[in-house]
């Protein structure tokens, strides 16, 4: 269920965003890809990272837990 939460979080965020995820070049100019920041890299965070990357976004992630520093 946590994996589905990460997937759903990214899909709902994209629904609210005014821009497209992948980079597109049009006659009007270039549209840069979306930048996504994931805070927390547990099960849901890893699924969110994967989903956002598959949609063409530039992804950055951060986790402050000691276990993740390894």
Foldseek 3Di string as FASTA:
>chain_A
DLLVVLLVVLVVVVVPDPDAAAWDQDPVGIDHHAEEEAEACDNSSVSNQVNSVVSHHHYHYDYDDPVVVD
